[in-house]
N, C-alpha and C. Protein backbone atom coordinates (compact mmCIF):
# COMPACT_ATOMS: atom_id res chain seq x y z
N MET A 1 0.75 -1.21 0.05
CA MET A 1 -0.02 0.18 -0.13
C MET A 1 0.89 1.18 0.04
N GLU A 2 0.68 2.05 -0.91
CA GLU A 2 1.52 3.28 -0.92
C GLU A 2 1.11 4.21 -0.14
N ALA A 3 2.02 5.39 0.17
CA ALA A 3 1.65 6.54 1.34
C ALA A 3 0.44 7.25 0.72
N ALA A 4 0.23 7.49 -0.43
CA ALA A 4 -0.81 8.27 -0.97
C ALA A 4 -2.33 7.44 -0.75
N ASP A 5 -2.05 6.41 -0.94
CA ASP A 5 -3.46 5.32 -0.41
C ASP A 5 -3.84 5.67 1.02
N TRP A 6 -2.79 5.54 2.04
CA TRP A 6 -3.08 5.71 3.36
C TRP A 6 -3.61 7.16 3.63
N ARG A 7 -2.94 8.11 2.89
CA ARG A 7 -3.43 9.60 3.21
C ARG A 7 -4.98 9.56 2.67
N ASP A 8 -5.40 8.95 1.56
CA ASP A 8 -6.76 9.12 1.15
C ASP A 8 -7.44 8.42 2.09
N ALA A 9 -7.16 7.34 2.58
CA ALA A 9 -7.92 6.62 3.58
C ALA A 9 -8.21 7.43 4.90
N ILE A 10 -7.02 7.96 5.34
CA ILE A 10 -7.05 8.92 6.68
C ILE A 10 -8.10 9.97 6.41
N ALA A 11 -8.01 10.65 5.12
CA ALA A 11 -8.82 11.81 4.90
C ALA A 11 -10.39 11.28 4.77
N MET A 12 -10.56 10.35 4.31
CA MET A 12 -11.96 9.75 4.35
C MET A 12 -12.41 9.48 5.70
N ALA A 13 -11.69 8.83 6.40
CA ALA A 13 -12.20 8.43 7.78
C ALA A 13 -12.35 9.64 8.65
N VAL A 14 -11.48 10.48 8.49
CA VAL A 14 -11.45 11.79 9.46
C VAL A 14 -12.85 12.61 9.03
N GLN A 15 -13.27 12.75 7.45
CA GLN A 15 -14.42 13.33 7.28
C GLN A 15 -15.54 12.65 7.50
N ARG A 16 -15.72 11.15 7.29
CA ARG A 16 -16.90 10.60 7.93
C ARG A 16 -16.96 10.77 9.44
N TRP A 17 -15.96 10.60 10.30
CA TRP A 17 -16.19 10.75 11.56
C TRP A 17 -16.49 12.16 12.06
N GLY A 18 -16.15 13.31 11.34
CA GLY A 18 -16.59 14.55 11.95
C GLY A 18 -15.91 14.99 12.99
N ASN A 19 -16.27 16.23 13.64
CA ASN A 19 -15.74 16.73 14.66
C ASN A 19 -16.76 16.98 15.95
N ARG A 20 -17.60 16.13 15.95
CA ARG A 20 -18.53 16.23 17.00
C ARG A 20 -17.98 15.57 18.36
N ARG A 21 -17.14 14.58 18.23
CA ARG A 21 -16.41 14.03 19.47
C ARG A 21 -15.05 13.53 18.98
N GLU A 22 -14.17 13.48 20.03
CA GLU A 22 -12.73 13.05 19.89
C GLU A 22 -12.88 11.54 19.63
N GLY A 23 -11.99 11.35 18.62
CA GLY A 23 -11.60 9.70 18.37
C GLY A 23 -10.29 9.29 18.40
N VAL A 24 -9.97 8.01 18.33
CA VAL A 24 -8.77 7.60 17.97
C VAL A 24 -8.46 6.83 16.63
N LEU A 25 -7.54 7.21 16.01
CA LEU A 25 -7.34 6.64 14.55
C LEU A 25 -6.23 5.83 14.37
N ARG A 26 -6.53 4.51 14.16
CA ARG A 26 -5.41 3.59 13.92
C ARG A 26 -5.25 3.22 12.36
N LEU A 27 -3.96 2.91 12.01
CA LEU A 27 -3.57 2.31 10.83
C LEU A 27 -3.22 0.78 10.99
N VAL A 28 -3.89 -0.22 10.41
CA VAL A 28 -3.64 -1.51 10.45
C VAL A 28 -3.31 -2.11 9.31
N TYR A 29 -2.40 -2.69 9.28
CA TYR A 29 -1.67 -3.54 7.93
C TYR A 29 -1.23 -4.79 8.46
N ALA A 30 -1.83 -5.85 7.81
CA ALA A 30 -1.50 -7.21 8.13
C ALA A 30 -1.01 -7.89 6.89
N ARG A 31 0.08 -8.69 6.98
CA ARG A 31 0.54 -9.34 5.81
C ARG A 31 -0.09 -10.62 5.43
N GLY A 32 -1.22 -10.98 6.11
CA GLY A 32 -1.71 -12.07 5.59
C GLY A 32 -1.47 -13.38 6.38
N ARG A 33 -1.95 -14.55 6.15
CA ARG A 33 -1.57 -15.63 6.59
C ARG A 33 -0.29 -16.16 6.04
N GLU A 34 0.85 -16.57 7.12
CA GLU A 34 2.04 -16.93 6.79
C GLU A 34 2.13 -18.30 6.04
N ASN A 35 2.78 -18.31 4.79
CA ASN A 35 2.77 -19.25 3.74
C ASN A 35 1.58 -19.78 3.26
N ALA A 36 0.61 -18.90 3.30
CA ALA A 36 -0.58 -19.43 2.67
C ALA A 36 -0.88 -18.50 1.43
N GLY A 37 -0.25 -17.60 1.21
CA GLY A 37 -0.18 -16.81 0.05
C GLY A 37 -1.36 -15.87 0.10
N SER A 38 -2.03 -15.45 1.06
CA SER A 38 -2.95 -14.67 1.15
C SER A 38 -2.59 -13.19 1.00
N ALA A 39 -3.55 -12.34 0.63
CA ALA A 39 -3.29 -10.99 0.27
C ALA A 39 -3.11 -10.28 1.69
N THR A 40 -2.27 -9.25 1.60
CA THR A 40 -2.21 -8.47 2.62
C THR A 40 -3.42 -7.63 3.04
N THR A 41 -3.65 -7.02 4.30
CA THR A 41 -5.01 -6.32 4.45
C THR A 41 -4.58 -5.25 5.18
N ALA A 42 -5.26 -3.99 4.71
CA ALA A 42 -4.68 -2.74 5.17
C ALA A 42 -6.12 -1.95 5.29
N TYR A 43 -6.18 -1.17 6.42
CA TYR A 43 -7.45 -0.37 6.83
C TYR A 43 -7.14 0.53 7.81
N VAL A 44 -8.10 1.66 7.71
CA VAL A 44 -8.26 2.75 8.79
C VAL A 44 -9.32 2.44 9.78
N LEU A 45 -9.18 2.76 11.12
CA LEU A 45 -10.11 2.41 11.96
C LEU A 45 -10.12 3.55 13.06
N VAL A 46 -11.42 4.07 13.08
CA VAL A 46 -11.61 5.03 13.91
C VAL A 46 -12.60 4.89 15.19
N THR A 47 -12.18 4.93 16.41
CA THR A 47 -13.02 4.61 17.40
C THR A 47 -13.25 5.68 18.59
N PRO A 48 -14.16 5.72 19.21
CA PRO A 48 -14.29 6.86 20.30
C PRO A 48 -13.14 6.64 21.47
N LEU A 49 -12.97 7.90 21.95
CA LEU A 49 -11.73 7.89 22.95
C LEU A 49 -12.51 7.38 24.10
N ALA A 50 -11.93 6.38 24.75
CA ALA A 50 -12.25 5.72 26.03
C ALA A 50 -12.45 6.88 27.29
N HIS A 51 -13.46 6.61 27.85
CA HIS A 51 -13.74 7.60 29.04
C HIS A 51 -12.53 7.49 29.97
N ARG A 52 -11.85 6.45 30.21
CA ARG A 52 -10.85 6.51 31.27
C ARG A 52 -9.84 7.32 30.88
N MET A 53 -9.60 7.41 29.37
CA MET A 53 -8.55 8.39 29.05
C MET A 53 -8.94 9.87 29.11
N LEU A 54 -10.33 10.21 28.90
CA LEU A 54 -10.69 11.63 29.13
C LEU A 54 -10.44 11.78 30.69
N GLN A 55 -10.83 10.83 31.59
CA GLN A 55 -10.81 11.00 32.90
C GLN A 55 -9.35 11.21 33.29
N ALA A 56 -8.51 10.64 32.82
CA ALA A 56 -6.99 10.73 33.19
C ALA A 56 -6.52 12.21 32.76
N ARG A 57 -6.82 12.75 31.71
CA ARG A 57 -6.69 13.99 31.40
C ARG A 57 -7.08 14.91 32.41
N ALA A 58 -8.27 14.87 32.66
CA ALA A 58 -8.85 15.77 33.44
C ALA A 58 -8.40 15.69 35.00
N SER A 59 -8.40 14.51 35.56
CA SER A 59 -8.14 14.25 36.99
C SER A 59 -6.82 13.78 37.34
N GLY A 60 -5.87 13.42 36.29
CA GLY A 60 -4.77 12.89 36.60
C GLY A 60 -4.57 11.40 36.89
N VAL A 61 -3.67 10.65 37.25
CA VAL A 61 -3.59 9.49 37.49
C VAL A 61 -2.51 9.11 38.56
N SER A 62 -2.99 7.98 39.37
CA SER A 62 -2.13 7.59 40.42
C SER A 62 -1.25 6.50 40.05
N VAL A 63 0.05 6.27 40.22
CA VAL A 63 0.87 5.22 39.72
C VAL A 63 1.51 4.42 40.97
N LEU A 64 2.14 3.19 40.36
CA LEU A 64 3.03 2.36 41.26
C LEU A 64 4.28 2.27 40.49
N THR A 65 5.22 2.30 40.92
CA THR A 65 6.59 1.90 40.52
C THR A 65 6.69 0.48 40.41
N LEU A 66 7.11 -0.14 39.33
CA LEU A 66 7.01 -1.60 39.13
C LEU A 66 8.37 -1.73 38.77
N GLU A 67 9.10 -3.03 39.16
CA GLU A 67 10.34 -3.76 38.69
C GLU A 67 10.30 -3.99 37.17
N ARG A 68 11.08 -3.52 36.37
CA ARG A 68 10.95 -3.94 34.83
C ARG A 68 11.99 -5.21 34.68
N GLY A 69 12.74 -5.52 35.61
CA GLY A 69 13.58 -6.61 35.50
C GLY A 69 14.92 -6.71 34.63
N TYR A 70 15.42 -5.61 34.44
CA TYR A 70 16.78 -5.33 33.90
C TYR A 70 17.27 -4.11 34.41
N ALA A 71 18.85 -4.03 34.23
CA ALA A 71 19.65 -2.77 34.40
C ALA A 71 19.38 -1.80 33.52
N SER A 72 19.66 -0.33 33.92
CA SER A 72 19.51 0.65 32.95
C SER A 72 20.70 0.24 31.93
N ASP A 73 21.68 -0.18 32.00
CA ASP A 73 22.84 -0.27 30.82
C ASP A 73 22.55 -1.47 30.21
N LEU A 74 21.52 -2.23 30.38
CA LEU A 74 21.55 -3.42 29.67
C LEU A 74 21.50 -3.50 28.11
N ALA A 75 20.76 -2.46 27.45
CA ALA A 75 20.67 -2.29 26.17
C ALA A 75 22.23 -1.97 25.33
N GLU A 76 23.14 -1.56 26.12
CA GLU A 76 24.39 -1.45 25.67
C GLU A 76 25.09 -2.64 25.45
N PHE A 77 24.63 -3.59 26.39
CA PHE A 77 25.69 -4.81 26.54
C PHE A 77 24.87 -6.03 25.99
N ALA A 78 23.55 -5.82 25.87
CA ALA A 78 22.88 -6.78 25.27
C ALA A 78 21.62 -6.55 24.14
N PRO A 79 22.29 -5.90 22.90
CA PRO A 79 21.29 -5.32 21.92
C PRO A 79 20.21 -6.28 21.43
N TRP A 80 20.60 -7.68 21.39
CA TRP A 80 19.70 -8.60 20.72
C TRP A 80 18.34 -8.76 21.48
N LEU A 81 18.54 -8.23 22.77
CA LEU A 81 17.05 -8.04 23.41
C LEU A 81 16.16 -7.28 22.85
N LEU A 82 16.55 -6.27 22.07
CA LEU A 82 15.82 -5.38 21.21
C LEU A 82 14.89 -4.62 22.34
N LEU A 83 15.52 -4.09 23.48
CA LEU A 83 14.92 -3.24 24.47
C LEU A 83 14.68 -1.91 23.80
N GLY A 84 13.52 -1.27 24.03
CA GLY A 84 12.94 -0.16 23.37
C GLY A 84 12.38 -0.41 22.07
N ALA A 85 12.26 -1.54 21.65
CA ALA A 85 11.75 -1.79 20.42
C ALA A 85 10.06 -1.88 20.34
N LYS A 86 9.29 -1.56 19.58
CA LYS A 86 7.87 -1.76 19.79
C LYS A 86 7.55 -3.08 19.11
N THR A 87 7.03 -3.97 19.68
CA THR A 87 6.65 -5.07 19.20
C THR A 87 5.16 -5.43 19.34
N LEU A 88 4.72 -6.68 18.96
CA LEU A 88 3.35 -6.99 18.88
C LEU A 88 3.04 -7.51 20.23
N SER A 89 3.87 -7.93 21.08
CA SER A 89 3.56 -8.48 22.44
C SER A 89 3.41 -7.37 23.33
N TYR A 90 2.29 -7.11 24.05
CA TYR A 90 2.01 -6.18 24.91
C TYR A 90 1.68 -6.84 26.18
N ALA A 91 2.15 -7.98 26.41
CA ALA A 91 1.64 -8.84 27.52
C ALA A 91 2.03 -8.28 28.83
N VAL A 92 3.53 -8.08 28.94
CA VAL A 92 4.05 -7.48 30.20
C VAL A 92 3.23 -6.07 30.43
N ASN A 93 3.27 -5.24 29.36
CA ASN A 93 2.61 -3.89 29.64
C ASN A 93 1.24 -4.03 30.10
N MET A 94 0.50 -4.83 29.69
CA MET A 94 -1.05 -4.99 30.13
C MET A 94 -1.11 -5.71 31.56
N ALA A 95 -0.19 -6.60 31.93
CA ALA A 95 -0.07 -7.27 32.90
C ALA A 95 0.30 -6.15 34.15
N ALA A 96 1.19 -5.24 33.79
CA ALA A 96 1.53 -4.26 34.67
C ALA A 96 0.65 -3.21 35.05
N VAL A 97 -0.33 -3.02 34.04
CA VAL A 97 -1.49 -2.06 34.17
C VAL A 97 -2.53 -2.87 35.10
N ARG A 98 -2.65 -4.29 34.77
CA ARG A 98 -3.64 -4.72 35.56
C ARG A 98 -3.28 -4.91 37.13
N TYR A 99 -2.04 -5.24 37.33
CA TYR A 99 -1.31 -5.29 38.45
C TYR A 99 -1.57 -3.83 39.41
N ALA A 100 -1.28 -2.90 38.74
CA ALA A 100 -1.51 -1.56 39.41
C ALA A 100 -2.71 -1.23 39.75
N ASN A 101 -3.89 -1.64 38.80
CA ASN A 101 -5.46 -1.61 39.25
C ASN A 101 -5.83 -2.24 40.20
N ASP A 102 -5.12 -3.63 40.45
CA ASP A 102 -5.61 -4.48 41.42
C ASP A 102 -5.16 -4.03 42.84
N ASN A 103 -3.92 -2.99 42.79
CA ASN A 103 -3.54 -2.43 44.01
C ASN A 103 -3.80 -1.06 44.29
N GLY A 104 -4.87 -0.72 43.66
CA GLY A 104 -5.42 0.72 43.93
C GLY A 104 -4.93 1.83 43.25
N ALA A 105 -4.07 1.50 42.11
CA ALA A 105 -3.67 2.74 41.24
C ALA A 105 -4.09 2.67 39.95
N ASP A 106 -3.99 3.60 39.16
CA ASP A 106 -4.56 3.71 37.95
C ASP A 106 -3.44 3.39 36.88
N ASP A 107 -1.99 3.43 36.93
CA ASP A 107 -1.17 3.21 35.91
C ASP A 107 0.19 2.70 36.71
N ALA A 108 1.01 2.38 35.79
CA ALA A 108 2.33 1.96 36.51
C ALA A 108 3.49 2.71 35.86
N VAL A 109 4.53 2.74 36.37
CA VAL A 109 5.98 3.47 35.85
C VAL A 109 6.99 2.32 36.11
N PHE A 110 7.50 1.60 35.07
CA PHE A 110 8.68 0.88 35.25
C PHE A 110 9.97 1.48 35.73
N VAL A 111 10.62 0.73 36.40
CA VAL A 111 11.95 1.10 37.21
C VAL A 111 12.98 -0.03 36.85
N SER A 112 14.20 0.28 36.37
CA SER A 112 15.28 -0.63 36.21
C SER A 112 15.64 -1.19 37.52
N SER A 113 16.33 -2.24 37.47
CA SER A 113 17.04 -3.15 38.56
C SER A 113 17.87 -2.27 39.59
N ASP A 114 18.40 -1.12 38.71
CA ASP A 114 19.52 -0.38 39.49
C ASP A 114 18.79 0.94 39.80
N GLY A 115 17.35 1.17 39.72
CA GLY A 115 16.66 2.21 40.40
C GLY A 115 16.51 3.41 39.58
N TYR A 116 16.47 3.34 38.39
CA TYR A 116 16.25 4.28 37.30
C TYR A 116 14.81 4.42 36.68
N LEU A 117 14.10 5.34 36.61
CA LEU A 117 13.02 5.46 35.89
C LEU A 117 13.08 5.24 34.34
N LEU A 118 11.90 4.27 34.05
CA LEU A 118 11.87 4.02 32.45
C LEU A 118 10.90 4.60 31.72
N GLU A 119 9.87 3.91 31.76
CA GLU A 119 8.60 4.56 31.12
C GLU A 119 7.39 3.85 31.67
N GLY A 120 6.19 4.27 31.20
CA GLY A 120 4.97 3.54 31.74
C GLY A 120 4.57 2.51 30.85
N PRO A 121 3.64 1.67 30.85
CA PRO A 121 3.30 0.53 29.83
C PRO A 121 2.81 1.22 28.62
N ARG A 122 2.08 2.39 28.64
CA ARG A 122 1.57 2.83 27.45
C ARG A 122 2.07 4.44 27.42
N ALA A 123 3.02 5.02 28.10
CA ALA A 123 3.40 6.35 28.02
C ALA A 123 4.85 6.56 28.54
N ALA A 124 5.18 7.87 28.03
CA ALA A 124 6.50 8.24 28.62
C ALA A 124 6.05 9.03 29.93
N VAL A 125 7.37 9.20 30.50
CA VAL A 125 7.21 10.05 31.78
C VAL A 125 8.03 11.20 31.86
N VAL A 126 7.52 12.10 32.03
CA VAL A 126 8.02 13.53 32.12
C VAL A 126 8.04 14.40 33.53
N VAL A 127 9.15 14.72 34.03
CA VAL A 127 9.31 15.32 35.36
C VAL A 127 9.56 16.77 35.24
N LEU A 128 8.77 17.61 35.93
CA LEU A 128 9.20 19.03 36.00
C LEU A 128 9.85 19.34 37.27
N ARG A 129 11.22 20.06 37.17
CA ARG A 129 11.65 20.60 38.27
C ARG A 129 12.50 21.96 37.96
N ASP A 130 12.26 22.97 38.71
CA ASP A 130 12.76 24.28 38.54
C ASP A 130 12.63 24.65 37.14
N GLY A 131 11.46 24.46 36.54
CA GLY A 131 11.24 24.87 35.08
C GLY A 131 11.83 24.15 34.07
N GLU A 132 12.64 22.97 34.47
CA GLU A 132 13.13 22.08 33.53
C GLU A 132 12.01 20.75 33.34
N LEU A 133 11.89 20.44 32.17
CA LEU A 133 11.21 19.18 31.99
C LEU A 133 12.21 18.18 31.52
N ALA A 134 12.03 17.02 32.06
CA ALA A 134 13.11 15.88 32.00
C ALA A 134 12.43 14.75 31.74
N THR A 135 13.10 13.85 31.11
CA THR A 135 12.49 12.46 30.81
C THR A 135 13.90 11.43 30.61
N PRO A 136 13.65 10.25 30.78
CA PRO A 136 14.87 9.28 30.69
C PRO A 136 15.17 9.14 29.37
N PRO A 137 16.48 8.98 29.22
CA PRO A 137 16.86 8.75 27.65
C PRO A 137 16.60 7.73 27.10
N ALA A 138 16.56 7.52 25.79
CA ALA A 138 16.16 6.05 25.03
C ALA A 138 17.19 5.16 25.29
N GLU A 139 18.45 5.38 25.72
CA GLU A 139 19.54 4.66 25.66
C GLU A 139 19.44 3.71 27.02
N LEU A 140 18.42 3.98 27.80
CA LEU A 140 18.13 3.10 28.84
C LEU A 140 17.24 1.92 28.40
N GLY A 141 16.94 1.89 27.24
CA GLY A 141 16.09 0.69 26.70
C GLY A 141 14.62 0.89 26.63
N ILE A 142 14.34 2.14 26.55
CA ILE A 142 12.92 2.41 26.41
C ILE A 142 12.54 2.83 24.90
N LEU A 143 11.26 2.80 24.69
CA LEU A 143 10.57 3.18 23.41
C LEU A 143 10.62 4.72 23.38
N PRO A 144 11.18 5.20 22.48
CA PRO A 144 11.15 6.84 22.17
C PRO A 144 9.67 7.49 22.02
N SER A 145 9.24 8.36 22.71
CA SER A 145 7.84 9.08 22.56
C SER A 145 7.85 9.95 21.55
N THR A 146 6.91 9.89 20.59
CA THR A 146 6.79 10.86 19.71
C THR A 146 6.01 12.03 20.26
N THR A 147 4.97 11.86 21.17
CA THR A 147 4.33 12.88 21.92
C THR A 147 5.24 13.84 22.92
N GLN A 148 6.18 12.96 23.57
CA GLN A 148 7.18 13.76 24.31
C GLN A 148 8.18 14.61 23.60
N ARG A 149 8.53 13.82 22.35
CA ARG A 149 9.31 14.74 21.52
C ARG A 149 8.76 16.01 20.88
N ALA A 150 7.57 15.75 20.53
CA ALA A 150 6.89 17.13 19.90
C ALA A 150 6.66 18.18 20.99
N VAL A 151 6.38 17.68 22.31
CA VAL A 151 6.22 18.59 23.32
C VAL A 151 7.87 19.29 23.60
N PHE A 152 8.69 18.56 23.58
CA PHE A 152 9.92 19.01 23.97
C PHE A 152 10.58 20.28 22.71
N ASP A 153 10.09 19.74 21.52
CA ASP A 153 10.40 20.54 20.40
C ASP A 153 10.17 22.13 20.55
N ILE A 154 8.96 22.26 21.21
CA ILE A 154 8.48 23.82 21.45
C ILE A 154 8.40 24.17 22.96
N ALA A 155 8.91 23.48 23.80
CA ALA A 155 8.71 23.57 25.20
C ALA A 155 9.30 25.05 25.60
N ASP A 156 10.36 25.49 24.76
CA ASP A 156 11.15 26.77 25.23
C ASP A 156 10.18 28.05 24.96
N GLN A 157 9.16 27.74 23.89
CA GLN A 157 7.96 28.60 23.82
C GLN A 157 7.17 28.84 24.96
N TYR A 158 7.13 28.12 25.94
CA TYR A 158 6.18 28.00 26.94
C TYR A 158 6.98 28.26 28.40
N GLY A 159 8.24 28.73 28.07
CA GLY A 159 9.12 29.11 29.44
C GLY A 159 9.66 27.89 29.88
N PHE A 160 9.78 26.65 29.24
CA PHE A 160 10.54 25.59 29.89
C PHE A 160 11.63 25.20 29.24
N THR A 161 12.82 24.70 29.92
CA THR A 161 14.02 24.07 29.22
C THR A 161 13.53 22.61 29.38
N THR A 162 14.52 21.76 28.47
CA THR A 162 14.23 20.28 28.38
C THR A 162 15.54 19.47 28.78
N ALA A 163 15.33 18.29 29.05
CA ALA A 163 16.73 17.57 29.25
C ALA A 163 16.20 16.17 29.20
N TYR A 164 17.27 15.41 28.47
CA TYR A 164 17.22 13.56 28.48
C TYR A 164 18.26 13.52 29.57
N LYS A 165 17.86 12.58 30.56
CA LYS A 165 18.77 12.37 31.77
C LYS A 165 18.19 11.25 32.65
N PRO A 166 18.91 10.56 33.17
CA PRO A 166 18.48 9.45 33.95
C PRO A 166 17.82 9.84 35.35
N LEU A 167 16.64 9.41 35.68
CA LEU A 167 15.94 10.01 36.76
C LEU A 167 15.72 8.74 37.76
N THR A 168 15.69 8.79 38.98
CA THR A 168 15.36 7.96 39.86
C THR A 168 13.98 8.32 40.51
N VAL A 169 13.37 7.11 41.28
CA VAL A 169 12.04 7.42 41.96
C VAL A 169 12.16 8.59 42.81
N VAL A 170 13.43 8.84 43.53
CA VAL A 170 13.50 9.84 44.42
C VAL A 170 13.31 11.28 43.72
N ASP A 171 13.89 11.31 42.59
CA ASP A 171 13.74 12.66 41.47
C ASP A 171 12.32 12.90 41.28
N LEU A 172 11.46 11.50 40.95
CA LEU A 172 10.15 11.96 40.64
C LEU A 172 9.25 12.35 41.93
N LEU A 173 9.66 11.76 42.98
CA LEU A 173 8.79 12.21 44.31
C LEU A 173 9.32 13.57 44.63
N ASN A 174 10.33 14.19 44.35
CA ASN A 174 10.83 15.51 44.74
C ASN A 174 10.53 16.42 43.49
N ALA A 175 9.88 16.01 42.43
CA ALA A 175 9.46 16.94 41.40
C ALA A 175 8.41 17.89 41.69
N ASP A 176 8.55 18.93 41.00
CA ASP A 176 7.48 20.01 41.08
C ASP A 176 6.17 19.49 40.44
N GLY A 177 6.26 18.55 39.64
CA GLY A 177 5.13 18.00 38.96
C GLY A 177 5.69 16.79 37.97
N ALA A 178 4.76 16.07 37.49
CA ALA A 178 5.20 14.92 36.59
C ALA A 178 3.96 14.60 35.61
N TRP A 179 4.24 14.04 34.52
CA TRP A 179 3.03 13.68 33.57
C TRP A 179 3.38 12.26 32.95
N MET A 180 2.38 11.64 32.54
CA MET A 180 2.58 10.39 31.63
C MET A 180 2.06 11.02 30.25
N LEU A 181 2.83 10.83 29.28
CA LEU A 181 2.52 11.34 27.97
C LEU A 181 2.12 10.44 27.00
N SER A 182 1.20 10.49 25.88
CA SER A 182 1.04 9.32 25.09
C SER A 182 0.13 9.96 24.04
N SER A 183 0.16 9.35 22.83
CA SER A 183 -0.50 9.78 21.68
C SER A 183 -2.10 9.92 21.75
N VAL A 184 -2.42 9.02 22.60
CA VAL A 184 -3.85 9.06 22.85
C VAL A 184 -4.51 9.87 24.13
N THR A 185 -3.94 9.45 25.00
CA THR A 185 -4.43 10.40 26.22
C THR A 185 -3.56 11.71 26.22
N LEU A 186 -2.66 11.94 25.57
CA LEU A 186 -1.99 12.95 25.48
C LEU A 186 -1.06 13.42 26.81
N SER A 187 -1.74 14.03 27.69
CA SER A 187 -0.99 14.07 29.16
C SER A 187 -1.89 13.90 30.09
N ALA A 188 -1.43 13.19 31.23
CA ALA A 188 -2.25 12.81 32.54
C ALA A 188 -1.12 13.33 33.63
N ARG A 189 -1.63 14.15 34.53
CA ARG A 189 -0.73 14.40 35.58
C ARG A 189 -0.71 13.35 36.67
N ILE A 190 0.66 12.85 36.95
CA ILE A 190 0.83 12.11 38.07
C ILE A 190 0.37 12.65 39.45
N THR A 191 -0.59 12.13 39.99
CA THR A 191 -1.12 12.55 41.38
C THR A 191 -0.69 11.98 42.62
N SER A 192 -0.05 10.82 42.37
CA SER A 192 0.62 10.06 43.50
C SER A 192 1.39 8.95 42.93
N VAL A 193 2.36 8.68 43.89
CA VAL A 193 3.29 7.61 43.49
C VAL A 193 3.46 6.74 44.73
N ASN A 194 3.24 5.52 44.43
CA ASN A 194 3.16 4.79 45.58
C ASN A 194 2.59 5.01 46.71
N GLY A 195 1.15 5.82 46.48
CA GLY A 195 0.55 6.22 47.69
C GLY A 195 1.08 7.53 48.45
N LEU A 196 2.05 8.15 47.87
CA LEU A 196 2.62 9.34 48.24
C LEU A 196 2.04 10.30 47.27
N ARG A 197 1.24 11.50 47.67
CA ARG A 197 0.74 12.54 47.07
C ARG A 197 1.96 13.40 46.37
N MET A 198 1.52 13.73 45.02
CA MET A 198 2.41 14.49 44.22
C MET A 198 1.77 15.96 44.18
N PRO A 199 2.76 17.05 44.32
CA PRO A 199 2.19 18.45 44.26
C PRO A 199 1.59 18.64 43.01
N THR A 200 0.52 19.80 42.93
CA THR A 200 -0.05 20.34 41.68
C THR A 200 0.95 21.37 41.28
N PRO A 201 1.59 21.35 40.21
CA PRO A 201 2.71 22.22 39.56
C PRO A 201 2.09 23.38 39.47
N ALA A 202 2.61 24.62 39.79
CA ALA A 202 2.30 25.97 39.34
C ALA A 202 2.24 26.16 37.87
N GLY A 203 2.88 25.54 37.03
CA GLY A 203 2.91 25.72 35.69
C GLY A 203 2.01 24.78 34.83
N GLU A 204 1.14 23.95 35.68
CA GLU A 204 0.19 22.94 35.16
C GLU A 204 -0.59 23.50 33.87
N SER A 205 -1.23 24.56 34.09
CA SER A 205 -2.18 25.12 32.82
C SER A 205 -1.07 25.34 31.55
N ASP A 206 0.19 26.01 31.91
CA ASP A 206 1.20 26.22 30.90
C ASP A 206 1.42 25.02 30.01
N PHE A 207 1.64 23.81 30.94
CA PHE A 207 2.06 22.55 30.34
C PHE A 207 0.81 21.85 29.48
N ALA A 208 -0.18 22.09 29.92
CA ALA A 208 -1.54 21.65 29.15
C ALA A 208 -1.60 22.28 27.84
N ARG A 209 -1.42 23.55 27.82
CA ARG A 209 -1.52 24.41 26.52
C ARG A 209 -0.32 23.98 25.69
N LEU A 210 0.85 23.70 26.16
CA LEU A 210 1.98 23.39 25.52
C LEU A 210 1.85 21.80 24.97
N VAL A 211 1.29 20.94 25.57
CA VAL A 211 1.03 19.58 25.02
C VAL A 211 -0.09 19.63 23.75
N GLU A 212 -1.16 20.58 24.05
CA GLU A 212 -2.24 20.76 23.16
C GLU A 212 -1.51 21.36 21.82
N ARG A 213 -0.83 22.28 21.98
CA ARG A 213 -0.15 23.02 20.74
C ARG A 213 0.83 21.83 20.21
N ALA A 214 1.64 21.21 21.07
CA ALA A 214 2.80 20.25 20.30
C ALA A 214 1.90 19.32 19.48
N VAL A 215 0.89 18.64 20.00
CA VAL A 215 0.15 17.60 19.28
C VAL A 215 -0.60 18.24 17.72
N GLU A 216 -1.20 19.39 17.85
CA GLU A 216 -1.68 20.16 16.78
C GLU A 216 -0.67 20.25 15.89
N ARG A 217 0.59 20.73 16.34
CA ARG A 217 1.72 21.23 15.37
C ARG A 217 2.37 19.89 14.77
N ASP A 218 2.45 18.85 15.53
CA ASP A 218 3.05 17.56 15.03
C ASP A 218 2.25 16.89 13.81
């Protein structure tokens, strides 16, 4: 399927969906049955944004920090493990979310075995401290976030500096504020970590406008 075909399908889907409610658009491309000679399948799907995502935007999320099972430098020494690659298996990610839910939290933040923040099962983690927005670097074996990158690209226009650097759970707890960023939920403020309440940052409204503008621009 050519890029022009995808663009035509997207334009048609957006037009049919309209602007009465927010939706999630997905591009699906399947190669067909292996060794069966069947044709590939490609389609665009638009579904309503889930209520829990709207609630996360409005009210924030409580999180648990969960062990990811590897050290922060493992990707350097074991590239064959494909840390940070987006694969079809989300079993661990979904299991982490279910565990967090079963233990009274809305979401999870993975932590390396040597104590560094990684990412959420479905989102990047961004921490605010003294006007600086910081997120863990991809070198720690995490999936780079397009939403986070779009936010960082124009953060200076809203008075924020940015940094990619290792962060610990202590850094998260001592932050002026923190968010989970993803392409669907966009931004959800972290309201508590392991049961400890997080502060409401003074720049919360500025950050919300920044995320909205970054997504529109991207």
